[in-house]
Amino acid sequence: MNSYEAIFIFKPDLDEDALEKAIKSVERKIKTSGKGEVKYDLLGKKTMAYEVKKFKEGIYVNYLFTAQPLAITEIKKALKHEDGILRFMFLVKGREK
């Protein structure tokens, strides 16, 4: 079981309700595939280094959770075509022995 950090960039034009639904949707999908608690931190709207899908800004959300390595593939497949997500990236934080 590994600890992961995931950063998600959501579309900047989402209103508060739509953003909250998108954040909770990602959290549910991570909980379904991963194990344990999922923590997230809304980092706010930031300017990106380059345009993504014609957006120069994005709303950044950082997630911390534990999961098996195969669960990351499932999470990526489930979130690949979500409308409100511009980009996401998963990083391994640490390994449990």
PDB file of N, CA and C in Angstrom:
ATOM      1  N   MET A   1       0.846  -1.172   0.000  1.00  0.00           N
ATOM      2  CA  MET A   1       0.000   0.000   0.000  1.00  0.00           C
ATOM      3  C   MET A   1       0.893   1.238   0.000  1.00  0.00           C
ATOM      4  N   ASN A   2       0.600   2.166  -0.872  1.00  0.00           N
ATOM      5  CA  ASN A   2       1.400   3.382  -0.995  1.00  0.00           C
ATOM      6  C   ASN A   2       0.578   4.603  -0.613  1.00  0.00           C
ATOM      7  N   SER A   3       1.252   5.634  -0.156  1.00  0.00           N
ATOM      8  CA  SER A   3       0.619   6.933   0.063  1.00  0.00           C
ATOM      9  C   SER A   3       0.813   7.747  -1.202  1.00  0.00           C
ATOM     10  N   TYR A   4      -0.249   8.408  -1.632  1.00  0.00           N
ATOM     11  CA  TYR A   4      -0.210   9.175  -2.867  1.00  0.00           C
ATOM     12  C   TYR A   4      -0.631  10.609  -2.622  1.00  0.00           C
ATOM     13  N   GLU A   5      -0.117  11.458  -3.473  1.00  0.00           N
ATOM     14  CA  GLU A   5      -0.561  12.844  -3.559  1.00  0.00           C
ATOM     15  C   GLU A   5      -1.009  13.046  -4.994  1.00  0.00           C
ATOM     16  N   ALA A   6      -2.179  13.624  -5.164  1.00  0.00           N
ATOM     17  CA  ALA A   6      -2.693  13.887  -6.509  1.00  0.00           C
ATOM     18  C   ALA A   6      -3.056  15.355  -6.604  1.00  0.00           C
ATOM     19  N   ILE A   7      -2.663  15.974  -7.697  1.00  0.00           N
ATOM     20  CA  ILE A   7      -3.035  17.366  -7.938  1.00  0.00           C
ATOM     21  C   ILE A   7      -3.990  17.385  -9.131  1.00  0.00           C
ATOM     22  N   PHE A   8      -5.116  18.033  -8.956  1.00  0.00           N
ATOM     23  CA  PHE A   8      -6.116  18.156 -10.004  1.00  0.00           C
ATOM     24  C   PHE A   8      -6.288  19.616 -10.346  1.00  0.00           C
ATOM     25  N   ILE A   9      -6.424  19.901 -11.631  1.00  0.00           N
ATOM     26  CA  ILE A   9      -6.699  21.260 -12.085  1.00  0.00           C
ATOM     27  C   ILE A   9      -8.088  21.239 -12.713  1.00  0.00           C
ATOM     28  N   PHE A  10      -8.996  22.001 -12.109  1.00  0.00           N
ATOM     29  CA  PHE A  10     -10.365  22.094 -12.596  1.00  0.00           C
ATOM     30  C   PHE A  10     -10.535  23.361 -13.426  1.00  0.00           C
ATOM     31  N   LYS A  11     -11.546  23.373 -14.273  1.00  0.00           N
ATOM     32  CA  LYS A  11     -11.829  24.542 -15.108  1.00  0.00           C
ATOM     33  C   LYS A  11     -12.104  25.760 -14.224  1.00  0.00           C
ATOM     34  N   PRO A  12     -11.563  26.918 -14.601  1.00  0.00           N
ATOM     35  CA  PRO A  12     -11.724  28.108 -13.766  1.00  0.00           C
ATOM     36  C   PRO A  12     -13.122  28.718 -13.832  1.00  0.00           C
ATOM     37  N   ASP A  13     -13.918  28.343 -14.814  1.00  0.00           N
ATOM     38  CA  ASP A  13     -15.251  28.930 -14.966  1.00  0.00           C
ATOM     39  C   ASP A  13     -16.347  28.167 -14.213  1.00  0.00           C
ATOM     40  N   LEU A  14     -15.971  27.170 -13.411  1.00  0.00           N
ATOM     41  CA  LEU A  14     -16.956  26.439 -12.613  1.00  0.00           C
ATOM     42  C   LEU A  14     -17.451  27.326 -11.472  1.00  0.00           C
ATOM     43  N   ASP A  15     -18.777  27.336 -11.257  1.00  0.00           N
ATOM     44  CA  ASP A  15     -19.284  28.087 -10.110  1.00  0.00           C
ATOM     45  C   ASP A  15     -19.035  27.263  -8.838  1.00  0.00           C
ATOM     46  N   GLU A  16     -19.317  27.834  -7.677  1.00  0.00           N
ATOM     47  CA  GLU A  16     -18.986  27.174  -6.410  1.00  0.00           C
ATOM     48  C   GLU A  16     -19.659  25.817  -6.266  1.00  0.00           C
ATOM     49  N   ASP A  17     -20.930  25.724  -6.645  1.00  0.00           N
ATOM     50  CA  ASP A  17     -21.651  24.446  -6.519  1.00  0.00           C
ATOM     51  C   ASP A  17     -21.075  23.390  -7.447  1.00  0.00           C
ATOM     52  N   ALA A  18     -20.815  23.754  -8.686  1.00  0.00           N
ATOM     53  CA  ALA A  18     -20.263  22.808  -9.656  1.00  0.00           C
ATOM     54  C   ALA A  18     -18.861  22.365  -9.236  1.00  0.00           C
ATOM     55  N   LEU A  19     -18.071  23.293  -8.709  1.00  0.00           N
ATOM     56  CA  LEU A  19     -16.724  22.958  -8.244  1.00  0.00           C
ATOM     57  C   LEU A  19     -16.797  21.990  -7.065  1.00  0.00           C
ATOM     58  N   GLU A  20     -17.686  22.254  -6.117  1.00  0.00           N
ATOM     59  CA  GLU A  20     -17.830  21.375  -4.957  1.00  0.00           C
ATOM     60  C   GLU A  20     -18.268  19.975  -5.393  1.00  0.00           C
ATOM     61  N   LYS A  21     -19.184  19.884  -6.350  1.00  0.00           N
ATOM     62  CA  LYS A  21     -19.617  18.582  -6.867  1.00  0.00           C
ATOM     63  C   LYS A  21     -18.463  17.851  -7.544  1.00  0.00           C
ATOM     64  N   ALA A  22     -17.663  18.573  -8.318  1.00  0.00           N
ATOM     65  CA  ALA A  22     -16.523  17.966  -9.012  1.00  0.00           C
ATOM     66  C   ALA A  22     -15.482  17.467  -8.014  1.00  0.00           C
ATOM     67  N   ILE A  23     -15.200  18.255  -6.982  1.00  0.00           N
ATOM     68  CA  ILE A  23     -14.231  17.862  -5.955  1.00  0.00           C
ATOM     69  C   ILE A  23     -14.716  16.616  -5.227  1.00  0.00           C
ATOM     70  N   LYS A  24     -15.993  16.587  -4.841  1.00  0.00           N
ATOM     71  CA  LYS A  24     -16.559  15.432  -4.132  1.00  0.00           C
ATOM     72  C   LYS A  24     -16.620  14.204  -5.039  1.00  0.00           C
ATOM     73  N   SER A  25     -16.857  14.405  -6.333  1.00  0.00           N
ATOM     74  CA  SER A  25     -16.883  13.297  -7.286  1.00  0.00           C
ATOM     75  C   SER A  25     -15.511  12.623  -7.370  1.00  0.00           C
ATOM     76  N   VAL A  26     -14.462  13.426  -7.453  1.00  0.00           N
ATOM     77  CA  VAL A  26     -13.099  12.888  -7.478  1.00  0.00           C
ATOM     78  C   VAL A  26     -12.812  12.162  -6.162  1.00  0.00           C
ATOM     79  N   GLU A  27     -13.217  12.762  -5.045  1.00  0.00           N
ATOM     80  CA  GLU A  27     -12.990  12.141  -3.741  1.00  0.00           C
ATOM     81  C   GLU A  27     -13.680  10.777  -3.659  1.00  0.00           C
ATOM     82  N   ARG A  28     -14.923  10.681  -4.136  1.00  0.00           N
ATOM     83  CA  ARG A  28     -15.646   9.403  -4.126  1.00  0.00           C
ATOM     84  C   ARG A  28     -14.957   8.351  -4.983  1.00  0.00           C
ATOM     85  N   LYS A  29     -14.469   8.759  -6.150  1.00  0.00           N
ATOM     86  CA  LYS A  29     -13.803   7.806  -7.041  1.00  0.00           C
ATOM     87  C   LYS A  29     -12.485   7.317  -6.435  1.00  0.00           C
ATOM     88  N   ILE A  30     -11.783   8.197  -5.740  1.00  0.00           N
ATOM     89  CA  ILE A  30     -10.544   7.794  -5.074  1.00  0.00           C
ATOM     90  C   ILE A  30     -10.875   6.839  -3.918  1.00  0.00           C
ATOM     91  N   LYS A  31     -11.912   7.149  -3.131  1.00  0.00           N
ATOM     92  CA  LYS A  31     -12.299   6.284  -2.015  1.00  0.00           C
ATOM     93  C   LYS A  31     -12.736   4.909  -2.506  1.00  0.00           C
ATOM     94  N   THR A  32     -13.441   4.863  -3.628  1.00  0.00           N
ATOM     95  CA  THR A  32     -13.926   3.601  -4.182  1.00  0.00           C
ATOM     96  C   THR A  32     -12.769   2.693  -4.570  1.00  0.00           C
ATOM     97  N   SER A  33     -11.734   3.259  -5.178  1.00  0.00           N
ATOM     98  CA  SER A  33     -10.594   2.462  -5.644  1.00  0.00           C
ATOM     99  C   SER A  33      -9.488   2.331  -4.612  1.00  0.00           C
ATOM    100  N   GLY A  34      -9.326   3.331  -3.772  1.00  0.00           N
ATOM    101  CA  GLY A  34      -8.251   3.316  -2.782  1.00  0.00           C
ATOM    102  C   GLY A  34      -8.731   2.784  -1.452  1.00  0.00           C
ATOM    103  N   LYS A  35      -7.913   2.947  -0.451  1.00  0.00           N
ATOM    104  CA  LYS A  35      -8.242   2.497   0.904  1.00  0.00           C
ATOM    105  C   LYS A  35      -8.070   3.664   1.865  1.00  0.00           C
ATOM    106  N   GLY A  36      -8.837   3.665   2.919  1.00  0.00           N
ATOM    107  CA  GLY A  36      -8.651   4.652   3.963  1.00  0.00           C
ATOM    108  C   GLY A  36      -9.237   6.007   3.633  1.00  0.00           C
ATOM    109  N   GLU A  37      -8.735   6.987   4.337  1.00  0.00           N
ATOM    110  CA  GLU A  37      -9.258   8.340   4.265  1.00  0.00           C
ATOM    111  C   GLU A  37      -8.636   9.127   3.111  1.00  0.00           C
ATOM    112  N   VAL A  38      -9.444   9.994   2.528  1.00  0.00           N
ATOM    113  CA  VAL A  38      -8.973  10.892   1.474  1.00  0.00           C
ATOM    114  C   VAL A  38      -9.070  12.314   2.018  1.00  0.00           C
ATOM    115  N   LYS A  39      -7.960  13.023   1.987  1.00  0.00           N
ATOM    116  CA  LYS A  39      -7.940  14.419   2.418  1.00  0.00           C
ATOM    117  C   LYS A  39      -7.683  15.280   1.192  1.00  0.00           C
ATOM    118  N   TYR A  40      -8.327  16.423   1.145  1.00  0.00           N
ATOM    119  CA  TYR A  40      -8.057  17.332   0.026  1.00  0.00           C
ATOM    120  C   TYR A  40      -7.937  18.762   0.528  1.00  0.00           C
ATOM    121  N   ASP A  41      -7.219  19.552  -0.242  1.00  0.00           N
ATOM    122  CA  ASP A  41      -6.971  20.945   0.093  1.00  0.00           C
ATOM    123  C   ASP A  41      -7.203  21.780  -1.161  1.00  0.00           C
ATOM    124  N   LEU A  42      -8.142  22.698  -1.093  1.00  0.00           N
ATOM    125  CA  LEU A  42      -8.420  23.595  -2.214  1.00  0.00           C
ATOM    126  C   LEU A  42      -7.351  24.690  -2.218  1.00  0.00           C
ATOM    127  N   LEU A  43      -6.517  24.693  -3.252  1.00  0.00           N
ATOM    128  CA  LEU A  43      -5.411  25.647  -3.330  1.00  0.00           C
ATOM    129  C   LEU A  43      -5.788  26.945  -4.020  1.00  0.00           C
ATOM    130  N   GLY A  44      -6.939  26.974  -4.692  1.00  0.00           N
ATOM    131  CA  GLY A  44      -7.430  28.191  -5.316  1.00  0.00           C
ATOM    132  C   GLY A  44      -7.100  28.290  -6.792  1.00  0.00           C
ATOM    133  N   LYS A  45      -7.470  29.419  -7.363  1.00  0.00           N
ATOM    134  CA  LYS A  45      -7.267  29.673  -8.789  1.00  0.00           C
ATOM    135  C   LYS A  45      -5.856  30.200  -9.018  1.00  0.00           C
ATOM    136  N   LYS A  46      -5.169  29.589  -9.974  1.00  0.00           N
ATOM    137  CA  LYS A  46      -3.793  29.988 -10.286  1.00  0.00           C
ATOM    138  C   LYS A  46      -3.607  30.058 -11.796  1.00  0.00           C
ATOM    139  N   THR A  47      -2.665  30.875 -12.229  1.00  0.00           N
ATOM    140  CA  THR A  47      -2.311  30.959 -13.636  1.00  0.00           C
ATOM    141  C   THR A  47      -1.401  29.787 -13.984  1.00  0.00           C
ATOM    142  N   MET A  48      -1.715  29.127 -15.092  1.00  0.00           N
ATOM    143  CA  MET A  48      -0.920  27.976 -15.524  1.00  0.00           C
ATOM    144  C   MET A  48       0.224  28.438 -16.416  1.00  0.00           C
ATOM    145  N   ALA A  49       1.223  27.610 -16.561  1.00  0.00           N
ATOM    146  CA  ALA A  49       2.401  27.943 -17.360  1.00  0.00           C
ATOM    147  C   ALA A  49       2.065  28.023 -18.852  1.00  0.00           C
ATOM    148  N   TYR A  50       1.069  27.261 -19.279  1.00  0.00           N
ATOM    149  CA  TYR A  50       0.645  27.272 -20.683  1.00  0.00           C
ATOM    150  C   TYR A  50      -0.849  26.984 -20.744  1.00  0.00           C
ATOM    151  N   GLU A  51      -1.458  27.296 -21.852  1.00  0.00           N
ATOM    152  CA  GLU A  51      -2.889  27.079 -22.025  1.00  0.00           C
ATOM    153  C   GLU A  51      -3.224  25.599 -22.077  1.00  0.00           C
ATOM    154  N   VAL A  52      -4.305  25.245 -21.413  1.00  0.00           N
ATOM    155  CA  VAL A  52      -4.824  23.883 -21.444  1.00  0.00           C
ATOM    156  C   VAL A  52      -6.294  23.983 -21.820  1.00  0.00           C
ATOM    157  N   LYS A  53      -6.659  23.402 -22.954  1.00  0.00           N
ATOM    158  CA  LYS A  53      -8.046  23.433 -23.450  1.00  0.00           C
ATOM    159  C   LYS A  53      -8.579  24.864 -23.489  1.00  0.00           C
ATOM    160  N   LYS A  54      -7.742  25.786 -23.942  1.00  0.00           N
ATOM    161  CA  LYS A  54      -8.056  27.205 -24.115  1.00  0.00           C
ATOM    162  C   LYS A  54      -8.244  27.967 -22.800  1.00  0.00           C
ATOM    163  N   PHE A  55      -7.786  27.417 -21.686  1.00  0.00           N
ATOM    164  CA  PHE A  55      -7.835  28.105 -20.394  1.00  0.00           C
ATOM    165  C   PHE A  55      -6.424  28.464 -19.964  1.00  0.00           C
ATOM    166  N   LYS A  56      -6.253  29.701 -19.461  1.00  0.00           N
ATOM    167  CA  LYS A  56      -4.950  30.142 -18.966  1.00  0.00           C
ATOM    168  C   LYS A  56      -4.852  30.000 -17.451  1.00  0.00           C
ATOM    169  N   GLU A  57      -6.004  29.807 -16.780  1.00  0.00           N
ATOM    170  CA  GLU A  57      -6.048  29.627 -15.338  1.00  0.00           C
ATOM    171  C   GLU A  57      -6.749  28.322 -15.010  1.00  0.00           C
ATOM    172  N   GLY A  58      -6.531  27.847 -13.796  1.00  0.00           N
ATOM    173  CA  GLY A  58      -7.209  26.653 -13.331  1.00  0.00           C
ATOM    174  C   GLY A  58      -7.358  26.692 -11.823  1.00  0.00           C
ATOM    175  N   ILE A  59      -8.313  25.923 -11.317  1.00  0.00           N
ATOM    176  CA  ILE A  59      -8.520  25.814  -9.882  1.00  0.00           C
ATOM    177  C   ILE A  59      -7.815  24.542  -9.423  1.00  0.00           C
ATOM    178  N   TYR A  60      -6.840  24.703  -8.554  1.00  0.00           N
ATOM    179  CA  TYR A  60      -5.991  23.595  -8.116  1.00  0.00           C
ATOM    180  C   TYR A  60      -6.534  22.978  -6.826  1.00  0.00           C
ATOM    181  N   VAL A  61      -6.575  21.639  -6.801  1.00  0.00           N
ATOM    182  CA  VAL A  61      -6.989  20.897  -5.613  1.00  0.00           C
ATOM    183  C   VAL A  61      -5.987  19.769  -5.398  1.00  0.00           C
ATOM    184  N   ASN A  62      -5.479  19.662  -4.174  1.00  0.00           N
ATOM    185  CA  ASN A  62      -4.492  18.652  -3.816  1.00  0.00           C
ATOM    186  C   ASN A  62      -5.165  17.569  -2.963  1.00  0.00           C
ATOM    187  N   TYR A  63      -4.999  16.295  -3.344  1.00  0.00           N
ATOM    188  CA  TYR A  63      -5.576  15.168  -2.611  1.00  0.00           C
ATOM    189  C   TYR A  63      -4.453  14.321  -2.014  1.00  0.00           C
ATOM    190  N   LEU A  64      -4.649  13.818  -0.791  1.00  0.00           N
ATOM    191  CA  LEU A  64      -3.727  12.886  -0.137  1.00  0.00           C
ATOM    192  C   LEU A  64      -4.524  11.640   0.223  1.00  0.00           C
ATOM    193  N   PHE A  65      -3.998  10.444  -0.133  1.00  0.00           N
ATOM    194  CA  PHE A  65      -4.714   9.203   0.131  1.00  0.00           C
ATOM    195  C   PHE A  65      -3.754   8.021   0.044  1.00  0.00           C
ATOM    196  N   THR A  66      -4.231   6.843   0.469  1.00  0.00           N
ATOM    197  CA  THR A  66      -3.462   5.616   0.331  1.00  0.00           C
ATOM    198  C   THR A  66      -4.218   4.664  -0.581  1.00  0.00           C
ATOM    199  N   ALA A  67      -3.461   3.889  -1.364  1.00  0.00           N
ATOM    200  CA  ALA A  67      -4.077   2.960  -2.313  1.00  0.00           C
ATOM    201  C   ALA A  67      -3.037   1.967  -2.803  1.00  0.00           C
ATOM    202  N   GLN A  68      -3.523   0.910  -3.413  1.00  0.00           N
ATOM    203  CA  GLN A  68      -2.665  -0.044  -4.104  1.00  0.00           C
ATOM    204  C   GLN A  68      -2.259   0.576  -5.440  1.00  0.00           C
ATOM    205  N   PRO A  69      -1.107   0.220  -5.978  1.00  0.00           N
ATOM    206  CA  PRO A  69      -0.679   0.794  -7.265  1.00  0.00           C
ATOM    207  C   PRO A  69      -1.675   0.567  -8.410  1.00  0.00           C
ATOM    208  N   LEU A  70      -2.346  -0.575  -8.439  1.00  0.00           N
ATOM    209  CA  LEU A  70      -3.311  -0.831  -9.511  1.00  0.00           C
ATOM    210  C   LEU A  70      -4.544   0.064  -9.414  1.00  0.00           C
ATOM    211  N   ALA A  71      -4.839   0.549  -8.226  1.00  0.00           N
ATOM    212  CA  ALA A  71      -5.987   1.433  -8.044  1.00  0.00           C
ATOM    213  C   ALA A  71      -5.789   2.759  -8.777  1.00  0.00           C
ATOM    214  N   ILE A  72      -4.554   3.202  -8.913  1.00  0.00           N
ATOM    215  CA  ILE A  72      -4.278   4.468  -9.601  1.00  0.00           C
ATOM    216  C   ILE A  72      -4.711   4.383 -11.062  1.00  0.00           C
ATOM    217  N   THR A  73      -4.465   3.249 -11.693  1.00  0.00           N
ATOM    218  CA  THR A  73      -4.891   3.053 -13.077  1.00  0.00           C
ATOM    219  C   THR A  73      -6.407   3.134 -13.188  1.00  0.00           C
ATOM    220  N   GLU A  74      -7.119   2.513 -12.243  1.00  0.00           N
ATOM    221  CA  GLU A  74      -8.581   2.560 -12.239  1.00  0.00           C
ATOM    222  C   GLU A  74      -9.090   3.988 -12.056  1.00  0.00           C
ATOM    223  N   ILE A  75      -8.468   4.726 -11.149  1.00  0.00           N
ATOM    224  CA  ILE A  75      -8.870   6.111 -10.892  1.00  0.00           C
ATOM    225  C   ILE A  75      -8.655   6.956 -12.145  1.00  0.00           C
ATOM    226  N   LYS A  76      -7.510   6.793 -12.787  1.00  0.00           N
ATOM    227  CA  LYS A  76      -7.214   7.550 -14.009  1.00  0.00           C
ATOM    228  C   LYS A  76      -8.239   7.272 -15.097  1.00  0.00           C
ATOM    229  N   LYS A  77      -8.591   5.998 -15.288  1.00  0.00           N
ATOM    230  CA  LYS A  77      -9.586   5.635 -16.303  1.00  0.00           C
ATOM    231  C   LYS A  77     -10.939   6.261 -15.989  1.00  0.00           C
ATOM    232  N   ALA A  78     -11.320   6.250 -14.720  1.00  0.00           N
ATOM    233  CA  ALA A  78     -12.619   6.776 -14.321  1.00  0.00           C
ATOM    234  C   ALA A  78     -12.710   8.291 -14.487  1.00  0.00           C
ATOM    235  N   LEU A  79     -11.596   8.989 -14.315  1.00  0.00           N
ATOM    236  CA  LEU A  79     -11.613  10.452 -14.338  1.00  0.00           C
ATOM    237  C   LEU A  79     -11.122  11.060 -15.646  1.00  0.00           C
ATOM    238  N   LYS A  80     -10.678  10.227 -16.560  1.00  0.00           N
ATOM    239  CA  LYS A  80     -10.067  10.703 -17.801  1.00  0.00           C
ATOM    240  C   LYS A  80     -10.975  11.630 -18.608  1.00  0.00           C
ATOM    241  N   HIS A  81     -12.261  11.346 -18.643  1.00  0.00           N
ATOM    242  CA  HIS A  81     -13.176  12.108 -19.487  1.00  0.00           C
ATOM    243  C   HIS A  81     -14.144  12.991 -18.703  1.00  0.00           C
ATOM    244  N   GLU A  82     -13.815  13.273 -17.440  1.00  0.00           N
ATOM    245  CA  GLU A  82     -14.645  14.178 -16.645  1.00  0.00           C
ATOM    246  C   GLU A  82     -14.578  15.575 -17.252  1.00  0.00           C
ATOM    247  N   ASP A  83     -15.718  16.200 -17.377  1.00  0.00           N
ATOM    248  CA  ASP A  83     -15.813  17.485 -18.065  1.00  0.00           C
ATOM    249  C   ASP A  83     -15.123  18.634 -17.333  1.00  0.00           C
ATOM    250  N   GLY A  84     -15.207  18.678 -16.007  1.00  0.00           N
ATOM    251  CA  GLY A  84     -14.672  19.816 -15.259  1.00  0.00           C
ATOM    252  C   GLY A  84     -13.186  19.769 -14.988  1.00  0.00           C
ATOM    253  N   ILE A  85     -12.532  18.639 -15.318  1.00  0.00           N
ATOM    254  CA  ILE A  85     -11.108  18.468 -15.016  1.00  0.00           C
ATOM    255  C   ILE A  85     -10.265  18.814 -16.239  1.00  0.00           C
ATOM    256  N   LEU A  86      -9.299  19.699 -16.051  1.00  0.00           N
ATOM    257  CA  LEU A  86      -8.373  20.035 -17.139  1.00  0.00           C
ATOM    258  C   LEU A  86      -7.185  19.079 -17.160  1.00  0.00           C
ATOM    259  N   ARG A  87      -6.559  18.861 -16.000  1.00  0.00           N
ATOM    260  CA  ARG A  87      -5.385  17.988 -15.893  1.00  0.00           C
ATOM    261  C   ARG A  87      -5.342  17.372 -14.501  1.00  0.00           C
ATOM    262  N   PHE A  88      -4.638  16.243 -14.377  1.00  0.00           N
ATOM    263  CA  PHE A  88      -4.363  15.670 -13.066  1.00  0.00           C
ATOM    264  C   PHE A  88      -3.068  14.893 -13.124  1.00  0.00           C
ATOM    265  N   MET A  89      -2.454  14.735 -11.937  1.00  0.00           N
ATOM    266  CA  MET A  89      -1.187  14.025 -11.835  1.00  0.00           C
ATOM    267  C   MET A  89      -1.118  13.355 -10.464  1.00  0.00           C
ATOM    268  N   PHE A  90      -0.604  12.121 -10.441  1.00  0.00           N
ATOM    269  CA  PHE A  90      -0.454  11.367  -9.205  1.00  0.00           C
ATOM    270  C   PHE A  90       1.029  11.212  -8.882  1.00  0.00           C
ATOM    271  N   LEU A  91       1.377  11.373  -7.605  1.00  0.00           N
ATOM    272  CA  LEU A  91       2.749  11.202  -7.131  1.00  0.00           C
ATOM    273  C   LEU A  91       2.751  10.234  -5.958  1.00  0.00           C
ATOM    274  N   VAL A  92       3.755   9.361  -5.904  1.00  0.00           N
ATOM    275  CA  VAL A  92       3.919   8.450  -4.768  1.00  0.00           C
ATOM    276  C   VAL A  92       4.606   9.222  -3.650  1.00  0.00           C
ATOM    277  N   LYS A  93       3.963   9.265  -2.475  1.00  0.00           N
ATOM    278  CA  LYS A  93       4.529   9.983  -1.330  1.00  0.00           C
ATOM    279  C   LYS A  93       5.440   9.087  -0.500  1.00  0.00           C
ATOM    280  N   GLY A  94       5.019   7.855  -0.260  1.00  0.00           N
ATOM    281  CA  GLY A  94       5.803   6.932   0.558  1.00  0.00           C
ATOM    282  C   GLY A  94       5.256   5.532   0.433  1.00  0.00           C
ATOM    283  N   ARG A  95       6.056   4.584   0.818  1.00  0.00           N
ATOM    284  CA  ARG A  95       5.633   3.189   0.726  1.00  0.00           C
ATOM    285  C   ARG A  95       5.563   2.584   2.119  1.00  0.00           C
ATOM    286  N   GLU A  96       4.448   1.875   2.389  1.00  0.00           N
ATOM    287  CA  GLU A  96       4.316   1.142   3.644  1.00  0.00           C
ATOM    288  C   GLU A  96       4.916  -0.237   3.448  1.00  0.00           C
ATOM    289  N   LYS A  97       5.572  -0.746   4.484  1.00  0.00           N
ATOM    290  CA  LYS A  97       6.204  -2.070   4.386  1.00  0.00           C
ATOM    291  C   LYS A  97       5.459  -3.074   5.216  1.00  0.00           C
TER     292      LYS A  97
END
